[in-house]
PDB file of N, CA and C in Angstrom:
ATOM      1  N   MET A   1     -27.154 -36.988  -4.461  1.00  0.00           N
ATOM      2  CA  MET A   1     -26.278 -37.732  -3.578  1.00  0.00           C
ATOM      3  C   MET A   1     -26.750 -37.670  -2.135  1.00  0.00           C
ATOM      4  N   HIS A   2     -27.741 -36.896  -1.847  1.00  0.00           N
ATOM      5  CA  HIS A   2     -28.350 -36.804  -0.510  1.00  0.00           C
ATOM      6  C   HIS A   2     -27.334 -36.449   0.572  1.00  0.00           C
ATOM      7  N   LEU A   3     -26.432 -35.505   0.292  1.00  0.00           N
ATOM      8  CA  LEU A   3     -25.452 -35.052   1.281  1.00  0.00           C
ATOM      9  C   LEU A   3     -26.119 -34.056   2.215  1.00  0.00           C
ATOM     10  N   GLN A   4     -25.706 -34.099   3.493  1.00  0.00           N
ATOM     11  CA  GLN A   4     -26.284 -33.196   4.482  1.00  0.00           C
ATOM     12  C   GLN A   4     -25.180 -32.572   5.322  1.00  0.00           C
ATOM     13  N   ALA A   5     -25.437 -31.388   5.846  1.00  0.00           N
ATOM     14  CA  ALA A   5     -24.486 -30.722   6.724  1.00  0.00           C
ATOM     15  C   ALA A   5     -24.230 -31.588   7.944  1.00  0.00           C
ATOM     16  N   GLY A   6     -22.968 -31.730   8.311  1.00  0.00           N
ATOM     17  CA  GLY A   6     -22.606 -32.519   9.481  1.00  0.00           C
ATOM     18  C   GLY A   6     -22.405 -33.993   9.189  1.00  0.00           C
ATOM     19  N   GLN A   7     -22.627 -34.397   7.947  1.00  0.00           N
ATOM     20  CA  GLN A   7     -22.458 -35.805   7.582  1.00  0.00           C
ATOM     21  C   GLN A   7     -20.980 -36.181   7.645  1.00  0.00           C
ATOM     22  N   ARG A   8     -20.702 -37.427   8.034  1.00  0.00           N
ATOM     23  CA  ARG A   8     -19.322 -37.902   8.145  1.00  0.00           C
ATOM     24  C   ARG A   8     -18.944 -38.700   6.894  1.00  0.00           C
ATOM     25  N   PHE A   9     -17.648 -38.634   6.528  1.00  0.00           N
ATOM     26  CA  PHE A   9     -17.143 -39.313   5.340  1.00  0.00           C
ATOM     27  C   PHE A   9     -15.880 -40.091   5.671  1.00  0.00           C
ATOM     28  N   ALA A  10     -15.688 -41.199   4.973  1.00  0.00           N
ATOM     29  CA  ALA A  10     -14.418 -41.921   5.012  1.00  0.00           C
ATOM     30  C   ALA A  10     -13.595 -41.412   3.838  1.00  0.00           C
ATOM     31  N   VAL A  11     -12.312 -41.170   4.075  1.00  0.00           N
ATOM     32  CA  VAL A  11     -11.406 -40.698   3.026  1.00  0.00           C
ATOM     33  C   VAL A  11     -10.603 -41.899   2.553  1.00  0.00           C
ATOM     34  N   ILE A  12     -10.752 -42.252   1.262  1.00  0.00           N
ATOM     35  CA  ILE A  12     -10.116 -43.441   0.705  1.00  0.00           C
ATOM     36  C   ILE A  12      -9.170 -43.017  -0.415  1.00  0.00           C
ATOM     37  N   PRO A  13      -7.855 -43.212  -0.234  1.00  0.00           N
ATOM     38  CA  PRO A  13      -6.910 -42.862  -1.294  1.00  0.00           C
ATOM     39  C   PRO A  13      -7.000 -43.856  -2.449  1.00  0.00           C
ATOM     40  N   LYS A  14      -7.044 -43.342  -3.679  1.00  0.00           N
ATOM     41  CA  LYS A  14      -7.096 -44.167  -4.898  1.00  0.00           C
ATOM     42  C   LYS A  14      -6.122 -43.572  -5.907  1.00  0.00           C
ATOM     43  N   GLY A  15      -4.932 -44.099  -5.978  1.00  0.00           N
ATOM     44  CA  GLY A  15      -3.928 -43.567  -6.906  1.00  0.00           C
ATOM     45  C   GLY A  15      -3.612 -42.123  -6.578  1.00  0.00           C
ATOM     46  N   ASN A  16      -3.821 -41.223  -7.539  1.00  0.00           N
ATOM     47  CA  ASN A  16      -3.558 -39.795  -7.347  1.00  0.00           C
ATOM     48  C   ASN A  16      -4.803 -39.028  -6.931  1.00  0.00           C
ATOM     49  N   ALA A  17      -5.826 -39.713  -6.496  1.00  0.00           N
ATOM     50  CA  ALA A  17      -7.076 -39.067  -6.107  1.00  0.00           C
ATOM     51  C   ALA A  17      -7.532 -39.612  -4.757  1.00  0.00           C
ATOM     52  N   ILE A  18      -8.560 -38.983  -4.213  1.00  0.00           N
ATOM     53  CA  ILE A  18      -9.185 -39.502  -3.007  1.00  0.00           C
ATOM     54  C   ILE A  18     -10.680 -39.666  -3.261  1.00  0.00           C
ATOM     55  N   VAL A  19     -11.267 -40.627  -2.586  1.00  0.00           N
ATOM     56  CA  VAL A  19     -12.703 -40.861  -2.680  1.00  0.00           C
ATOM     57  C   VAL A  19     -13.305 -40.550  -1.327  1.00  0.00           C
ATOM     58  N   LEU A  20     -14.361 -39.755  -1.299  1.00  0.00           N
ATOM     59  CA  LEU A  20     -15.087 -39.479  -0.068  1.00  0.00           C
ATOM     60  C   LEU A  20     -16.332 -40.352  -0.054  1.00  0.00           C
ATOM     61  N   ALA A  21     -16.374 -41.306   0.868  1.00  0.00           N
ATOM     62  CA  ALA A  21     -17.515 -42.217   0.962  1.00  0.00           C
ATOM     63  C   ALA A  21     -18.305 -41.872   2.207  1.00  0.00           C
ATOM     64  N   PRO A  22     -19.601 -41.605   2.078  1.00  0.00           N
ATOM     65  CA  PRO A  22     -20.400 -41.260   3.253  1.00  0.00           C
ATOM     66  C   PRO A  22     -20.472 -42.431   4.219  1.00  0.00           C
ATOM     67  N   ILE A  23     -20.391 -42.123   5.497  1.00  0.00           N
ATOM     68  CA  ILE A  23     -20.522 -43.126   6.548  1.00  0.00           C
ATOM     69  C   ILE A  23     -21.961 -43.078   7.032  1.00  0.00           C
ATOM     70  N   HIS A  24     -22.651 -44.203   6.898  1.00  0.00           N
ATOM     71  CA  HIS A  24     -24.052 -44.280   7.297  1.00  0.00           C
ATOM     72  C   HIS A  24     -24.162 -44.931   8.670  1.00  0.00           C
ATOM     73  N   PRO A  25     -25.031 -44.428   9.535  1.00  0.00           N
ATOM     74  CA  PRO A  25     -25.251 -45.068  10.826  1.00  0.00           C
ATOM     75  C   PRO A  25     -25.839 -46.468  10.633  1.00  0.00           C
ATOM     76  N   LEU A  26     -25.558 -47.373  11.553  1.00  0.00           N
ATOM     77  CA  LEU A  26     -26.070 -48.739  11.448  1.00  0.00           C
ATOM     78  C   LEU A  26     -27.588 -48.787  11.379  1.00  0.00           C
ATOM     79  N   GLU A  27     -28.260 -47.855  12.031  1.00  0.00           N
ATOM     80  CA  GLU A  27     -29.722 -47.835  12.003  1.00  0.00           C
ATOM     81  C   GLU A  27     -30.246 -47.682  10.575  1.00  0.00           C
ATOM     82  N   GLU A  28     -29.532 -46.920   9.735  1.00  0.00           N
ATOM     83  CA  GLU A  28     -29.935 -46.728   8.345  1.00  0.00           C
ATOM     84  C   GLU A  28     -29.733 -47.998   7.525  1.00  0.00           C
ATOM     85  N   MET A  29     -28.791 -48.829   7.916  1.00  0.00           N
ATOM     86  CA  MET A  29     -28.438 -50.009   7.138  1.00  0.00           C
ATOM     87  C   MET A  29     -29.306 -51.219   7.475  1.00  0.00           C
ATOM     88  N   ARG A  30     -30.100 -51.132   8.517  1.00  0.00           N
ATOM     89  CA  ARG A  30     -30.924 -52.265   8.939  1.00  0.00           C
ATOM     90  C   ARG A  30     -31.852 -52.697   7.804  1.00  0.00           C
ATOM     91  N   GLY A  31     -31.825 -53.993   7.492  1.00  0.00           N
ATOM     92  CA  GLY A  31     -32.706 -54.556   6.484  1.00  0.00           C
ATOM     93  C   GLY A  31     -32.222 -54.414   5.057  1.00  0.00           C
ATOM     94  N   ILE A  32     -31.059 -53.808   4.830  1.00  0.00           N
ATOM     95  CA  ILE A  32     -30.599 -53.554   3.464  1.00  0.00           C
ATOM     96  C   ILE A  32     -30.287 -54.855   2.720  1.00  0.00           C
ATOM     97  N   LEU A  33     -29.902 -55.907   3.433  1.00  0.00           N
ATOM     98  CA  LEU A  33     -29.548 -57.161   2.765  1.00  0.00           C
ATOM     99  C   LEU A  33     -30.742 -58.064   2.501  1.00  0.00           C
ATOM    100  N   LYS A  34     -31.915 -57.692   2.959  1.00  0.00           N
ATOM    101  CA  LYS A  34     -33.095 -58.519   2.726  1.00  0.00           C
ATOM    102  C   LYS A  34     -33.383 -58.689   1.239  1.00  0.00           C
ATOM    103  N   VAL A  35     -33.018 -57.719   0.442  1.00  0.00           N
ATOM    104  CA  VAL A  35     -33.312 -57.770  -0.987  1.00  0.00           C
ATOM    105  C   VAL A  35     -32.123 -58.281  -1.802  1.00  0.00           C
ATOM    106  N   ALA A  36     -31.056 -58.714  -1.145  1.00  0.00           N
ATOM    107  CA  ALA A  36     -29.876 -59.209  -1.860  1.00  0.00           C
ATOM    108  C   ALA A  36     -30.182 -60.550  -2.514  1.00  0.00           C
ATOM    109  N   ASP A  37     -29.723 -60.732  -3.736  1.00  0.00           N
ATOM    110  CA  ASP A  37     -29.916 -61.986  -4.461  1.00  0.00           C
ATOM    111  C   ASP A  37     -28.760 -62.920  -4.118  1.00  0.00           C
ATOM    112  N   THR A  38     -29.024 -63.970  -3.365  1.00  0.00           N
ATOM    113  CA  THR A  38     -27.976 -64.899  -2.937  1.00  0.00           C
ATOM    114  C   THR A  38     -27.925 -66.153  -3.802  1.00  0.00           C
ATOM    115  N   SER A  39     -28.655 -66.193  -4.893  1.00  0.00           N
ATOM    116  CA  SER A  39     -28.717 -67.392  -5.719  1.00  0.00           C
ATOM    117  C   SER A  39     -27.387 -67.708  -6.403  1.00  0.00           C
ATOM    118  N   ASP A  40     -26.521 -66.725  -6.578  1.00  0.00           N
ATOM    119  CA  ASP A  40     -25.255 -66.945  -7.284  1.00  0.00           C
ATOM    120  C   ASP A  40     -24.069 -67.096  -6.335  1.00  0.00           C
ATOM    121  N   TYR A  41     -24.291 -67.106  -5.028  1.00  0.00           N
ATOM    122  CA  TYR A  41     -23.198 -67.226  -4.065  1.00  0.00           C
ATOM    123  C   TYR A  41     -22.769 -68.678  -3.934  1.00  0.00           C
ATOM    124  N   ARG A  42     -21.478 -68.876  -3.772  1.00  0.00           N
ATOM    125  CA  ARG A  42     -20.977 -70.225  -3.516  1.00  0.00           C
ATOM    126  C   ARG A  42     -21.054 -70.501  -2.031  1.00  0.00           C
ATOM    127  N   ASN A  43     -21.189 -71.755  -1.682  1.00  0.00           N
ATOM    128  CA  ASN A  43     -21.158 -72.099  -0.261  1.00  0.00           C
ATOM    129  C   ASN A  43     -19.813 -72.720   0.082  1.00  0.00           C
ATOM    130  N   ARG A  44     -19.597 -73.032   1.334  1.00  0.00           N
ATOM    131  CA  ARG A  44     -18.307 -73.538   1.797  1.00  0.00           C
ATOM    132  C   ARG A  44     -17.948 -74.853   1.100  1.00  0.00           C
ATOM    133  N   THR A  45     -18.893 -75.734   0.844  1.00  0.00           N
ATOM    134  CA  THR A  45     -18.576 -77.012   0.211  1.00  0.00           C
ATOM    135  C   THR A  45     -18.072 -76.807  -1.215  1.00  0.00           C
ATOM    136  N   ASP A  46     -18.562 -75.799  -1.925  1.00  0.00           N
ATOM    137  CA  ASP A  46     -18.046 -75.517  -3.265  1.00  0.00           C
ATOM    138  C   ASP A  46     -16.568 -75.163  -3.213  1.00  0.00           C
ATOM    139  N   CYS A  47     -16.172 -74.407  -2.223  1.00  0.00           N
ATOM    140  CA  CYS A  47     -14.777 -73.986  -2.087  1.00  0.00           C
ATOM    141  C   CYS A  47     -13.901 -75.181  -1.746  1.00  0.00           C
ATOM    142  N   LEU A  48     -14.363 -76.069  -0.908  1.00  0.00           N
ATOM    143  CA  LEU A  48     -13.553 -77.198  -0.460  1.00  0.00           C
ATOM    144  C   LEU A  48     -13.399 -78.260  -1.533  1.00  0.00           C
ATOM    145  N   GLU A  49     -14.342 -78.357  -2.469  1.00  0.00           N
ATOM    146  CA  GLU A  49     -14.266 -79.386  -3.505  1.00  0.00           C
ATOM    147  C   GLU A  49     -13.099 -79.158  -4.451  1.00  0.00           C
ATOM    148  N   ARG A  50     -12.632 -77.933  -4.588  1.00  0.00           N
ATOM    149  CA  ARG A  50     -11.518 -77.642  -5.502  1.00  0.00           C
ATOM    150  C   ARG A  50     -10.207 -78.219  -5.007  1.00  0.00           C
ATOM    151  N   TYR A  51     -10.062 -78.435  -3.705  1.00  0.00           N
ATOM    152  CA  TYR A  51      -8.757 -78.826  -3.140  1.00  0.00           C
ATOM    153  C   TYR A  51      -8.670 -80.261  -2.873  1.00  0.00           C
TER     154      TYR A  51
END
């Protein structure tokens, strides 16, 4: 899980439990979406055609 001393966590309540989610600095997140597959995403015109 790559936990380190001094790392910060978000506490998220889920029913009778809590989830500790690590908070990553923005510098670590840079470029993470470059590998995202966007081929299955709908665009705005798809949403508007339903109405």
